[in-house]
């Protein structure tokens, strides 16, 4: 549960940073765009491209996080299965030992 919070915080920080960069670029671009029409069009194109790249990056980050979470969940399930198998083996050994002790105690001296 704690790992989930940590990974979502990381995503939020990255998204916030990207959003801040886009806003900063927008302000700078707005100042430059006031000068002429060619510059305005160039700025619009750059901002569109930056926005698309930022969204693509966020989507990739989200997919990566989901993939890592599923991988870790699988490893945890596998670990639990291994623990159960070890416990079952231990239980079987204890039963066999108990049967041997029982046989030994039934033998006449």
PDB file of N, CA and C in Angstrom:
ATOM      1  N   UNK A   1       0.838  -1.187   0.000  1.00  0.00           N
ATOM      2  CA  UNK A   1       0.000   0.000   0.000  1.00  0.00           C
ATOM      3  C   UNK A   1       0.882   1.250   0.000  1.00  0.00           C
ATOM      4  N   UNK A   2       1.954   1.179   0.811  1.00  0.00           N
ATOM      5  CA  UNK A   2       2.869   2.312   0.902  1.00  0.00           C
ATOM      6  C   UNK A   2       3.581   2.532  -0.430  1.00  0.00           C
ATOM      7  N   UNK A   3       3.945   1.419  -1.131  1.00  0.00           N
ATOM      8  CA  UNK A   3       4.618   1.545  -2.428  1.00  0.00           C
ATOM      9  C   UNK A   3       3.714   2.226  -3.442  1.00  0.00           C
ATOM     10  N   UNK A   4       2.423   1.928  -3.385  1.00  0.00           N
ATOM     11  CA  UNK A   4       1.476   2.524  -4.325  1.00  0.00           C
ATOM     12  C   UNK A   4       1.444   4.036  -4.131  1.00  0.00           C
ATOM     13  N   UNK A   5       1.427   4.469  -2.867  1.00  0.00           N
ATOM     14  CA  UNK A   5       1.426   5.905  -2.586  1.00  0.00           C
ATOM     15  C   UNK A   5       2.702   6.551  -3.101  1.00  0.00           C
ATOM     16  N   UNK A   6       3.839   5.860  -2.873  1.00  0.00           N
ATOM     17  CA  UNK A   6       5.122   6.393  -3.322  1.00  0.00           C
ATOM     18  C   UNK A   6       5.157   6.547  -4.841  1.00  0.00           C
ATOM     19  N   UNK A   7       4.706   5.535  -5.571  1.00  0.00           N
ATOM     20  CA  UNK A   7       4.764   5.601  -7.034  1.00  0.00           C
ATOM     21  C   UNK A   7       3.812   6.650  -7.568  1.00  0.00           C
ATOM     22  N   UNK A   8       2.634   6.811  -6.939  1.00  0.00           N
ATOM     23  CA  UNK A   8       1.697   7.830  -7.423  1.00  0.00           C
ATOM     24  C   UNK A   8       2.228   9.225  -7.122  1.00  0.00           C
ATOM     25  N   UNK A   9       2.963   9.381  -6.014  1.00  0.00           N
ATOM     26  CA  UNK A   9       3.580  10.672  -5.713  1.00  0.00           C
ATOM     27  C   UNK A   9       4.614  11.022  -6.772  1.00  0.00           C
ATOM     28  N   UNK A  10       5.397  10.011  -7.183  1.00  0.00           N
ATOM     29  CA  UNK A  10       6.413  10.243  -8.208  1.00  0.00           C
ATOM     30  C   UNK A  10       5.761  10.689  -9.506  1.00  0.00           C
ATOM     31  N   UNK A  11       4.679  10.038  -9.876  1.00  0.00           N
ATOM     32  CA  UNK A  11       3.979  10.394 -11.107  1.00  0.00           C
ATOM     33  C   UNK A  11       3.446  11.821 -11.002  1.00  0.00           C
ATOM     34  N   UNK A  12       2.864  12.167  -9.855  1.00  0.00           N
ATOM     35  CA  UNK A  12       2.321  13.507  -9.664  1.00  0.00           C
ATOM     36  C   UNK A  12       3.425  14.564  -9.743  1.00  0.00           C
ATOM     37  N   UNK A  13       4.582  14.266  -9.177  1.00  0.00           N
ATOM     38  CA  UNK A  13       5.688  15.223  -9.234  1.00  0.00           C
ATOM     39  C   UNK A  13       6.156  15.426 -10.676  1.00  0.00           C
ATOM     40  N   UNK A  14       6.247  14.346 -11.407  1.00  0.00           N
ATOM     41  CA  UNK A  14       6.674  14.437 -12.809  1.00  0.00           C
ATOM     42  C   UNK A  14       5.647  15.226 -13.613  1.00  0.00           C
ATOM     43  N   UNK A  15       4.365  14.890 -13.429  1.00  0.00           N
ATOM     44  CA  UNK A  15       3.308  15.586 -14.163  1.00  0.00           C
ATOM     45  C   UNK A  15       3.299  17.074 -13.809  1.00  0.00           C
ATOM     46  N   UNK A  16       3.497  17.389 -12.542  1.00  0.00           N
ATOM     47  CA  UNK A  16       3.548  18.786 -12.116  1.00  0.00           C
ATOM     48  C   UNK A  16       4.722  19.512 -12.760  1.00  0.00           C
ATOM     49  N   UNK A  17       5.871  18.837 -12.798  1.00  0.00           N
ATOM     50  CA  UNK A  17       7.056  19.438 -13.419  1.00  0.00           C
ATOM     51  C   UNK A  17       6.847  19.709 -14.898  1.00  0.00           C
ATOM     52  N   UNK A  18       6.246  18.745 -15.568  1.00  0.00           N
ATOM     53  CA  UNK A  18       5.974  18.908 -16.999  1.00  0.00           C
ATOM     54  C   UNK A  18       4.990  20.042 -17.229  1.00  0.00           C
ATOM     55  N   UNK A  19       3.944  20.067 -16.414  1.00  0.00           N
ATOM     56  CA  UNK A  19       2.946  21.135 -16.546  1.00  0.00           C
ATOM     57  C   UNK A  19       3.596  22.506 -16.308  1.00  0.00           C
ATOM     58  N   UNK A  20       4.466  22.587 -15.313  1.00  0.00           N
ATOM     59  CA  UNK A  20       5.163  23.842 -15.025  1.00  0.00           C
ATOM     60  C   UNK A  20       6.036  24.282 -16.192  1.00  0.00           C
ATOM     61  N   UNK A  21       6.717  23.311 -16.795  1.00  0.00           N
ATOM     62  CA  UNK A  21       7.573  23.630 -17.947  1.00  0.00           C
ATOM     63  C   UNK A  21       6.739  24.140 -19.116  1.00  0.00           C
ATOM     64  N   UNK A  22       5.591  23.509 -19.326  1.00  0.00           N
ATOM     65  CA  UNK A  22       4.718  23.934 -20.428  1.00  0.00           C
ATOM     66  C   UNK A  22       4.176  25.337 -20.162  1.00  0.00           C
ATOM     67  N   UNK A  23       3.785  25.608 -18.927  1.00  0.00           N
ATOM     68  CA  UNK A  23       3.267  26.939 -18.589  1.00  0.00           C
ATOM     69  C   UNK A  23       4.359  27.990 -18.767  1.00  0.00           C
ATOM     70  N   UNK A  24       5.563  27.668 -18.286  1.00  0.00           N
ATOM     71  CA  UNK A  24       6.684  28.597 -18.445  1.00  0.00           C
ATOM     72  C   UNK A  24       6.986  28.872 -19.910  1.00  0.00           C
ATOM     73  N   UNK A  25       6.962  27.819 -20.695  1.00  0.00           N
ATOM     74  CA  UNK A  25       7.198  27.978 -22.132  1.00  0.00           C
ATOM     75  C   UNK A  25       6.076  28.801 -22.755  1.00  0.00           C
ATOM     76  N   UNK A  26       4.864  28.585 -22.272  1.00  0.00           N
ATOM     77  CA  UNK A  26       3.714  29.339 -22.794  1.00  0.00           C
ATOM     78  C   UNK A  26       3.836  30.825 -22.533  1.00  0.00           C
ATOM     79  N   UNK A  27       4.274  31.174 -21.341  1.00  0.00           N
ATOM     80  CA  UNK A  27       4.443  32.597 -21.006  1.00  0.00           C
ATOM     81  C   UNK A  27       5.527  33.224 -21.872  1.00  0.00           C
ATOM     82  N   UNK A  28       6.637  32.506 -21.999  1.00  0.00           N
ATOM     83  CA  UNK A  28       7.730  33.005 -22.842  1.00  0.00           C
ATOM     84  C   UNK A  28       7.265  33.126 -24.288  1.00  0.00           C
ATOM     85  N   UNK A  29       6.550  32.115 -24.729  1.00  0.00           N
ATOM     86  CA  UNK A  29       6.060  32.112 -26.106  1.00  0.00           C
ATOM     87  C   UNK A  29       5.061  33.238 -26.341  1.00  0.00           C
ATOM     88  N   UNK A  30       4.236  33.511 -25.344  1.00  0.00           N
ATOM     89  CA  UNK A  30       3.240  34.577 -25.486  1.00  0.00           C
ATOM     90  C   UNK A  30       3.925  35.931 -25.681  1.00  0.00           C
ATOM     91  N   UNK A  31       4.971  36.144 -24.934  1.00  0.00           N
ATOM     92  CA  UNK A  31       5.701  37.408 -25.076  1.00  0.00           C
ATOM     93  C   UNK A  31       6.309  37.523 -26.469  1.00  0.00           C
ATOM     94  N   UNK A  32       6.869  36.422 -26.945  1.00  0.00           N
ATOM     95  CA  UNK A  32       7.477  36.440 -28.281  1.00  0.00           C
ATOM     96  C   UNK A  32       6.409  36.528 -29.369  1.00  0.00           C
ATOM     97  N   UNK A  33       5.281  35.902 -29.132  1.00  0.00           N
ATOM     98  CA  UNK A  33       4.229  35.850 -30.141  1.00  0.00           C
ATOM     99  C   UNK A  33       3.606  37.216 -30.416  1.00  0.00           C
ATOM    100  N   UNK A  34       3.719  38.107 -29.496  1.00  0.00           N
ATOM    101  CA  UNK A  34       3.139  39.429 -29.687  1.00  0.00           C
ATOM    102  C   UNK A  34       3.846  40.215 -30.796  1.00  0.00           C
ATOM    103  N   UNK A  35       5.012  39.760 -31.193  1.00  0.00           N
ATOM    104  CA  UNK A  35       5.800  40.530 -32.140  1.00  0.00           C
ATOM    105  C   UNK A  35       5.325  40.393 -33.591  1.00  0.00           C
ATOM    106  N   UNK A  36       5.072  39.171 -34.086  1.00  0.00           N
ATOM    107  CA  UNK A  36       4.583  39.053 -35.469  1.00  0.00           C
ATOM    108  C   UNK A  36       3.851  37.724 -35.698  1.00  0.00           C
ATOM    109  N   UNK A  37       3.192  37.606 -36.843  1.00  0.00           N
ATOM    110  CA  UNK A  37       2.351  36.447 -37.158  1.00  0.00           C
ATOM    111  C   UNK A  37       3.169  35.168 -37.364  1.00  0.00           C
ATOM    112  N   UNK A  38       4.329  35.268 -38.016  1.00  0.00           N
ATOM    113  CA  UNK A  38       5.152  34.085 -38.235  1.00  0.00           C
ATOM    114  C   UNK A  38       5.582  33.484 -36.892  1.00  0.00           C
ATOM    115  N   UNK A  39       5.983  34.341 -36.002  1.00  0.00           N
ATOM    116  CA  UNK A  39       6.404  33.888 -34.679  1.00  0.00           C
ATOM    117  C   UNK A  39       5.230  33.255 -33.943  1.00  0.00           C
ATOM    118  N   UNK A  40       4.059  33.845 -34.077  1.00  0.00           N
ATOM    119  CA  UNK A  40       2.880  33.289 -33.418  1.00  0.00           C
ATOM    120  C   UNK A  40       2.626  31.857 -33.884  1.00  0.00           C
ATOM    121  N   UNK A  41       2.704  31.637 -35.177  1.00  0.00           N
ATOM    122  CA  UNK A  41       2.455  30.293 -35.718  1.00  0.00           C
ATOM    123  C   UNK A  41       3.523  29.306 -35.251  1.00  0.00           C
ATOM    124  N   UNK A  42       4.773  29.744 -35.261  1.00  0.00           N
ATOM    125  CA  UNK A  42       5.860  28.877 -34.793  1.00  0.00           C
ATOM    126  C   UNK A  42       5.656  28.492 -33.333  1.00  0.00           C
ATOM    127  N   UNK A  43       5.283  29.463 -32.527  1.00  0.00           N
ATOM    128  CA  UNK A  43       5.062  29.228 -31.097  1.00  0.00           C
ATOM    129  C   UNK A  43       3.916  28.233 -30.896  1.00  0.00           C
ATOM    130  N   UNK A  44       2.841  28.407 -31.648  1.00  0.00           N
ATOM    131  CA  UNK A  44       1.707  27.490 -31.544  1.00  0.00           C
ATOM    132  C   UNK A  44       2.141  26.065 -31.877  1.00  0.00           C
ATOM    133  N   UNK A  45       2.924  25.923 -32.936  1.00  0.00           N
ATOM    134  CA  UNK A  45       3.394  24.592 -33.329  1.00  0.00           C
ATOM    135  C   UNK A  45       4.289  23.963 -32.255  1.00  0.00           C
ATOM    136  N   UNK A  46       5.178  24.771 -31.716  1.00  0.00           N
ATOM    137  CA  UNK A  46       6.071  24.269 -30.665  1.00  0.00           C
ATOM    138  C   UNK A  46       5.271  23.847 -29.438  1.00  0.00           C
ATOM    139  N   UNK A  47       4.308  24.656 -29.037  1.00  0.00           N
ATOM    140  CA  UNK A  47       3.498  24.327 -27.866  1.00  0.00           C
ATOM    141  C   UNK A  47       2.654  23.071 -28.090  1.00  0.00           C
ATOM    142  N   UNK A  48       2.109  22.928 -29.276  1.00  0.00           N
ATOM    143  CA  UNK A  48       1.340  21.715 -29.581  1.00  0.00           C
ATOM    144  C   UNK A  48       2.238  20.478 -29.492  1.00  0.00           C
ATOM    145  N   UNK A  49       3.418  20.591 -30.084  1.00  0.00           N
ATOM    146  CA  UNK A  49       4.364  19.470 -30.059  1.00  0.00           C
ATOM    147  C   UNK A  49       4.783  19.150 -28.626  1.00  0.00           C
ATOM    148  N   UNK A  50       5.094  20.189 -27.858  1.00  0.00           N
ATOM    149  CA  UNK A  50       5.511  19.985 -26.468  1.00  0.00           C
ATOM    150  C   UNK A  50       4.385  19.336 -25.663  1.00  0.00           C
ATOM    151  N   UNK A  51       3.178  19.793 -25.863  1.00  0.00           N
ATOM    152  CA  UNK A  51       2.031  19.224 -25.158  1.00  0.00           C
ATOM    153  C   UNK A  51       1.831  17.757 -25.500  1.00  0.00           C
ATOM    154  N   UNK A  52       1.947  17.435 -26.790  1.00  0.00           N
ATOM    155  CA  UNK A  52       1.787  16.039 -27.223  1.00  0.00           C
ATOM    156  C   UNK A  52       2.883  15.161 -26.625  1.00  0.00           C
ATOM    157  N   UNK A  53       4.118  15.670 -26.638  1.00  0.00           N
ATOM    158  CA  UNK A  53       5.234  14.901 -26.080  1.00  0.00           C
ATOM    159  C   UNK A  53       5.055  14.703 -24.574  1.00  0.00           C
ATOM    160  N   UNK A  54       4.597  15.740 -23.893  1.00  0.00           N
ATOM    161  CA  UNK A  54       4.378  15.644 -22.443  1.00  0.00           C
ATOM    162  C   UNK A  54       3.305  14.603 -22.133  1.00  0.00           C
ATOM    163  N   UNK A  55       2.227  14.608 -22.889  1.00  0.00           N
ATOM    164  CA  UNK A  55       1.153  13.640 -22.664  1.00  0.00           C
ATOM    165  C   UNK A  55       1.638  12.220 -22.971  1.00  0.00           C
ATOM    166  N   UNK A  56       2.416  12.076 -24.032  1.00  0.00           N
ATOM    167  CA  UNK A  56       2.950  10.763 -24.397  1.00  0.00           C
ATOM    168  C   UNK A  56       3.870  10.256 -23.291  1.00  0.00           C
ATOM    169  N   UNK A  57       4.706  11.140 -22.761  1.00  0.00           N
ATOM    170  CA  UNK A  57       5.621  10.771 -21.683  1.00  0.00           C
ATOM    171  C   UNK A  57       4.837  10.347 -20.434  1.00  0.00           C
ATOM    172  N   UNK A  58       3.799  11.089 -20.091  1.00  0.00           N
ATOM    173  CA  UNK A  58       2.967  10.743 -18.927  1.00  0.00           C
ATOM    174  C   UNK A  58       2.299   9.387 -19.131  1.00  0.00           C
ATOM    175  N   UNK A  59       1.818   9.127 -20.331  1.00  0.00           N
ATOM    176  CA  UNK A  59       1.200   7.832 -20.631  1.00  0.00           C
ATOM    177  C   UNK A  59       2.216   6.691 -20.506  1.00  0.00           C
ATOM    178  N   UNK A  60       3.427   6.909 -21.000  1.00  0.00           N
ATOM    179  CA  UNK A  60       4.471   5.895 -20.893  1.00  0.00           C
ATOM    180  C   UNK A  60       4.823   5.636 -19.430  1.00  0.00           C
ATOM    181  N   UNK A  61       4.922   6.708 -18.664  1.00  0.00           N
ATOM    182  CA  UNK A  61       5.249   6.592 -17.251  1.00  0.00           C
ATOM    183  C   UNK A  61       4.157   5.816 -16.513  1.00  0.00           C
ATOM    184  N   UNK A  62       2.916   6.116 -16.854  1.00  0.00           N
ATOM    185  CA  UNK A  62       1.783   5.414 -16.243  1.00  0.00           C
ATOM    186  C   UNK A  62       1.837   3.924 -16.589  1.00  0.00           C
ATOM    187  N   UNK A  63       2.062   3.612 -17.860  1.00  0.00           N
ATOM    188  CA  UNK A  63       2.130   2.215 -18.301  1.00  0.00           C
ATOM    189  C   UNK A  63       3.268   1.477 -17.611  1.00  0.00           C
ATOM    190  N   UNK A  64       4.409   2.137 -17.496  1.00  0.00           N
ATOM    191  CA  UNK A  64       5.574   1.535 -16.849  1.00  0.00           C
ATOM    192  C   UNK A  64       5.279   1.232 -15.384  1.00  0.00           C
ATOM    193  N   UNK A  65       4.634   2.171 -14.715  1.00  0.00           N
ATOM    194  CA  UNK A  65       4.298   1.998 -13.304  1.00  0.00           C
ATOM    195  C   UNK A  65       3.333   0.837 -13.117  1.00  0.00           C
ATOM    196  N   UNK A  66       2.335   0.745 -13.978  1.00  0.00           N
ATOM    197  CA  UNK A  66       1.367  -0.361 -13.907  1.00  0.00           C
ATOM    198  C   UNK A  66       2.079  -1.692 -14.139  1.00  0.00           C
ATOM    199  N   UNK A  67       2.968  -1.720 -15.121  1.00  0.00           N
ATOM    200  CA  UNK A  67       3.709  -2.947 -15.435  1.00  0.00           C
ATOM    201  C   UNK A  67       4.559  -3.381 -14.237  1.00  0.00           C
ATOM    202  N   UNK A  68       5.260  -2.435 -13.618  1.00  0.00           N
ATOM    203  CA  UNK A  68       6.099  -2.752 -12.464  1.00  0.00           C
ATOM    204  C   UNK A  68       5.254  -3.234 -11.290  1.00  0.00           C
ATOM    205  N   UNK A  69       4.093  -2.627 -11.099  1.00  0.00           N
ATOM    206  CA  UNK A  69       3.206  -3.029 -10.013  1.00  0.00           C
ATOM    207  C   UNK A  69       2.728  -4.460 -10.222  1.00  0.00           C
ATOM    208  N   UNK A  70       2.337  -4.792 -11.463  1.00  0.00           N
ATOM    209  CA  UNK A  70       1.889  -6.149 -11.760  1.00  0.00           C
ATOM    210  C   UNK A  70       3.025  -7.146 -11.559  1.00  0.00           C
ATOM    211  N   UNK A  71       4.235  -6.773 -11.970  1.00  0.00           N
ATOM    212  CA  UNK A  71       5.394  -7.649 -11.813  1.00  0.00           C
ATOM    213  C   UNK A  71       5.659  -7.919 -10.334  1.00  0.00           C
ATOM    214  N   UNK A  72       5.614  -6.865  -9.526  1.00  0.00           N
ATOM    215  CA  UNK A  72       5.858  -7.032  -8.085  1.00  0.00           C
ATOM    216  C   UNK A  72       4.756  -7.871  -7.448  1.00  0.00           C
ATOM    217  N   UNK A  73       3.524  -7.669  -7.866  1.00  0.00           N
ATOM    218  CA  UNK A  73       2.412  -8.453  -7.329  1.00  0.00           C
ATOM    219  C   UNK A  73       2.604  -9.933  -7.665  1.00  0.00           C
ATOM    220  N   UNK A  74       3.053 -10.208  -8.879  1.00  0.00           N
ATOM    221  CA  UNK A  74       3.324 -11.584  -9.291  1.00  0.00           C
ATOM    222  C   UNK A  74       4.420 -12.223  -8.458  1.00  0.00           C
ATOM    223  N   UNK A  75       5.460 -11.452  -8.170  1.00  0.00           N
ATOM    224  CA  UNK A  75       6.565 -11.960  -7.355  1.00  0.00           C
ATOM    225  C   UNK A  75       6.090 -12.248  -5.930  1.00  0.00           C
ATOM    226  N   UNK A  76       5.232 -11.400  -5.416  1.00  0.00           N
ATOM    227  CA  UNK A  76       4.699 -11.619  -4.070  1.00  0.00           C
ATOM    228  C   UNK A  76       3.869 -12.900  -4.039  1.00  0.00           C
ATOM    229  N   UNK A  77       3.013 -13.090  -5.042  1.00  0.00           N
ATOM    230  CA  UNK A  77       2.201 -14.321  -5.114  1.00  0.00           C
ATOM    231  C   UNK A  77       3.101 -15.546  -5.197  1.00  0.00           C
ATOM    232  N   UNK A  78       4.150 -15.448  -5.997  1.00  0.00           N
ATOM    233  CA  UNK A  78       5.081 -16.568  -6.148  1.00  0.00           C
ATOM    234  C   UNK A  78       5.778 -16.862  -4.816  1.00  0.00           C
ATOM    235  N   UNK A  79       6.162 -15.819  -4.108  1.00  0.00           N
ATOM    236  CA  UNK A  79       6.796 -15.982  -2.795  1.00  0.00           C
ATOM    237  C   UNK A  79       5.865 -16.655  -1.803  1.00  0.00           C
ATOM    238  N   UNK A  80       4.606 -16.251  -1.792  1.00  0.00           N
ATOM    239  CA  UNK A  80       3.619 -16.855  -0.895  1.00  0.00           C
ATOM    240  C   UNK A  80       3.451 -18.338  -1.238  1.00  0.00           C
ATOM    241  N   UNK A  81       3.400 -18.656  -2.522  1.00  0.00           N
ATOM    242  CA  UNK A  81       3.267 -20.049  -2.960  1.00  0.00           C
ATOM    243  C   UNK A  81       4.465 -20.867  -2.479  1.00  0.00           C
ATOM    244  N   UNK A  82       5.668 -20.289  -2.611  1.00  0.00           N
ATOM    245  CA  UNK A  82       6.877 -20.991  -2.163  1.00  0.00           C
ATOM    246  C   UNK A  82       6.858 -21.239  -0.658  1.00  0.00           C
ATOM    247  N   UNK A  83       6.398 -20.252   0.088  1.00  0.00           N
ATOM    248  CA  UNK A  83       6.305 -20.401   1.546  1.00  0.00           C
ATOM    249  C   UNK A  83       5.342 -21.533   1.897  1.00  0.00           C
ATOM    250  N   UNK A  84       4.202 -21.578   1.215  1.00  0.00           N
ATOM    251  CA  UNK A  84       3.219 -22.640   1.463  1.00  0.00           C
ATOM    252  C   UNK A  84       3.810 -24.007   1.123  1.00  0.00           C
ATOM    253  N   UNK A  85       4.569 -24.087   0.028  1.00  0.00           N
ATOM    254  CA  UNK A  85       5.182 -25.356  -0.361  1.00  0.00           C
ATOM    255  C   UNK A  85       6.203 -25.800   0.682  1.00  0.00           C
ATOM    256  N   UNK A  86       7.011 -24.879   1.164  1.00  0.00           N
ATOM    257  CA  UNK A  86       8.011 -25.211   2.182  1.00  0.00           C
ATOM    258  C   UNK A  86       7.317 -25.685   3.456  1.00  0.00           C
ATOM    259  N   UNK A  87       6.250 -25.005   3.838  1.00  0.00           N
ATOM    260  CA  UNK A  87       5.503 -25.387   5.028  1.00  0.00           C
ATOM    261  C   UNK A  87       4.901 -26.775   4.851  1.00  0.00           C
ATOM    262  N   UNK A  88       4.365 -27.063   3.666  1.00  0.00           N
ATOM    263  CA  UNK A  88       3.790 -28.375   3.394  1.00  0.00           C
ATOM    264  C   UNK A  88       4.853 -29.457   3.475  1.00  0.00           C
ATOM    265  N   UNK A  89       6.018 -29.198   2.932  1.00  0.00           N
ATOM    266  CA  UNK A  89       7.122 -30.163   2.990  1.00  0.00           C
ATOM    267  C   UNK A  89       7.524 -30.402   4.439  1.00  0.00           C
ATOM    268  N   UNK A  90       7.611 -29.338   5.201  1.00  0.00           N
ATOM    269  CA  UNK A  90       7.973 -29.445   6.619  1.00  0.00           C
ATOM    270  C   UNK A  90       6.921 -30.269   7.356  1.00  0.00           C
ATOM    271  N   UNK A  91       5.651 -30.011   7.074  1.00  0.00           N
ATOM    272  CA  UNK A  91       4.569 -30.762   7.714  1.00  0.00           C
ATOM    273  C   UNK A  91       4.663 -32.242   7.367  1.00  0.00           C
ATOM    274  N   UNK A  92       4.948 -32.566   6.112  1.00  0.00           N
ATOM    275  CA  UNK A  92       5.084 -33.965   5.678  1.00  0.00           C
ATOM    276  C   UNK A  92       6.234 -34.638   6.419  1.00  0.00           C
ATOM    277  N   UNK A  93       7.369 -33.946   6.532  1.00  0.00           N
ATOM    278  CA  UNK A  93       8.519 -34.504   7.251  1.00  0.00           C
ATOM    279  C   UNK A  93       8.168 -34.756   8.713  1.00  0.00           C
ATOM    280  N   UNK A  94       7.451 -33.830   9.331  1.00  0.00           N
ATOM    281  CA  UNK A  94       7.067 -33.994  10.733  1.00  0.00           C
ATOM    282  C   UNK A  94       6.132 -35.191  10.905  1.00  0.00           C
ATOM    283  N   UNK A  95       5.218 -35.390   9.976  1.00  0.00           N
ATOM    284  CA  UNK A  95       4.297 -36.533  10.036  1.00  0.00           C
ATOM    285  C   UNK A  95       5.087 -37.835   9.901  1.00  0.00           C
ATOM    286  N   UNK A  96       6.030 -37.885   8.957  1.00  0.00           N
ATOM    287  CA  UNK A  96       6.850 -39.082   8.775  1.00  0.00           C
ATOM    288  C   UNK A  96       7.670 -39.370  10.032  1.00  0.00           C
ATOM    289  N   UNK A  97       8.252 -38.351  10.623  1.00  0.00           N
ATOM    290  CA  UNK A  97       9.038 -38.523  11.839  1.00  0.00           C
ATOM    291  C   UNK A  97       8.159 -39.033  12.983  1.00  0.00           C
ATOM    292  N   UNK A  98       6.958 -38.488  13.082  1.00  0.00           N
ATOM    293  CA  UNK A  98       6.038 -38.924  14.130  1.00  0.00           C
ATOM    294  C   UNK A  98       5.662 -40.394  13.942  1.00  0.00           C
ATOM    295  N   UNK A  99       5.434 -40.832  12.706  1.00  0.00           N
ATOM    296  CA  UNK A  99       5.109 -42.231  12.429  1.00  0.00           C
ATOM    297  C   UNK A  99       6.280 -43.140  12.797  1.00  0.00           C
ATOM    298  N   UNK A 100       7.503 -42.698  12.488  1.00  0.00           N
ATOM    299  CA  UNK A 100       8.679 -43.495  12.825  1.00  0.00           C
ATOM    300  C   UNK A 100       8.840 -43.611  14.335  1.00  0.00           C
ATOM    301  N   UNK A 101       8.615 -42.542  15.056  1.00  0.00           N
ATOM    302  CA  UNK A 101       8.705 -42.569  16.507  1.00  0.00           C
ATOM    303  C   UNK A 101       7.647 -43.515  17.066  1.00  0.00           C
ATOM    304  N   UNK A 102       6.458 -43.467  16.501  1.00  0.00           N
ATOM    305  CA  UNK A 102       5.369 -44.337  16.940  1.00  0.00           C
ATOM    306  C   UNK A 102       5.744 -45.804  16.716  1.00  0.00           C
ATOM    307  N   UNK A 103       6.342 -46.109  15.546  1.00  0.00           N
ATOM    308  CA  UNK A 103       6.767 -47.476  15.251  1.00  0.00           C
ATOM    309  C   UNK A 103       7.835 -47.942  16.243  1.00  0.00           C
ATOM    310  N   UNK A 104       8.782 -47.060  16.521  1.00  0.00           N
ATOM    311  CA  UNK A 104       9.874 -47.391  17.453  1.00  0.00           C
ATOM    312  C   UNK A 104       9.348 -47.668  18.860  1.00  0.00           C
ATOM    313  N   UNK A 105       8.333 -46.931  19.272  1.00  0.00           N
ATOM    314  CA  UNK A 105       7.814 -47.114  20.628  1.00  0.00           C
ATOM    315  C   UNK A 105       6.988 -48.380  20.736  1.00  0.00           C
ATOM    316  N   UNK A 106       6.481 -48.930  19.655  1.00  0.00           N
ATOM    317  CA  UNK A 106       5.679 -50.156  19.661  1.00  0.00           C
ATOM    318  C   UNK A 106       6.572 -51.403  19.667  1.00  0.00           C
ATOM    319  N   UNK A 107       7.832 -51.276  19.291  1.00  0.00           N
ATOM    320  CA  UNK A 107       8.731 -52.441  19.251  1.00  0.00           C
ATOM    321  C   UNK A 107       9.045 -52.897  20.687  1.00  0.00           C
ATOM    322  N   UNK A 108       9.071 -54.180  20.881  1.00  0.00           N
ATOM    323  CA  UNK A 108       9.410 -54.667  22.242  1.00  0.00           C
ATOM    324  C   UNK A 108      10.897 -54.453  22.521  1.00  0.00           C
ATOM    325  N   UNK A 109      11.193 -54.275  23.782  1.00  0.00           N
ATOM    326  CA  UNK A 109      12.609 -54.064  24.178  1.00  0.00           C
ATOM    327  C   UNK A 109      13.378 -55.315  24.256  1.00  0.00           C
TER     328      UNK A 109
END
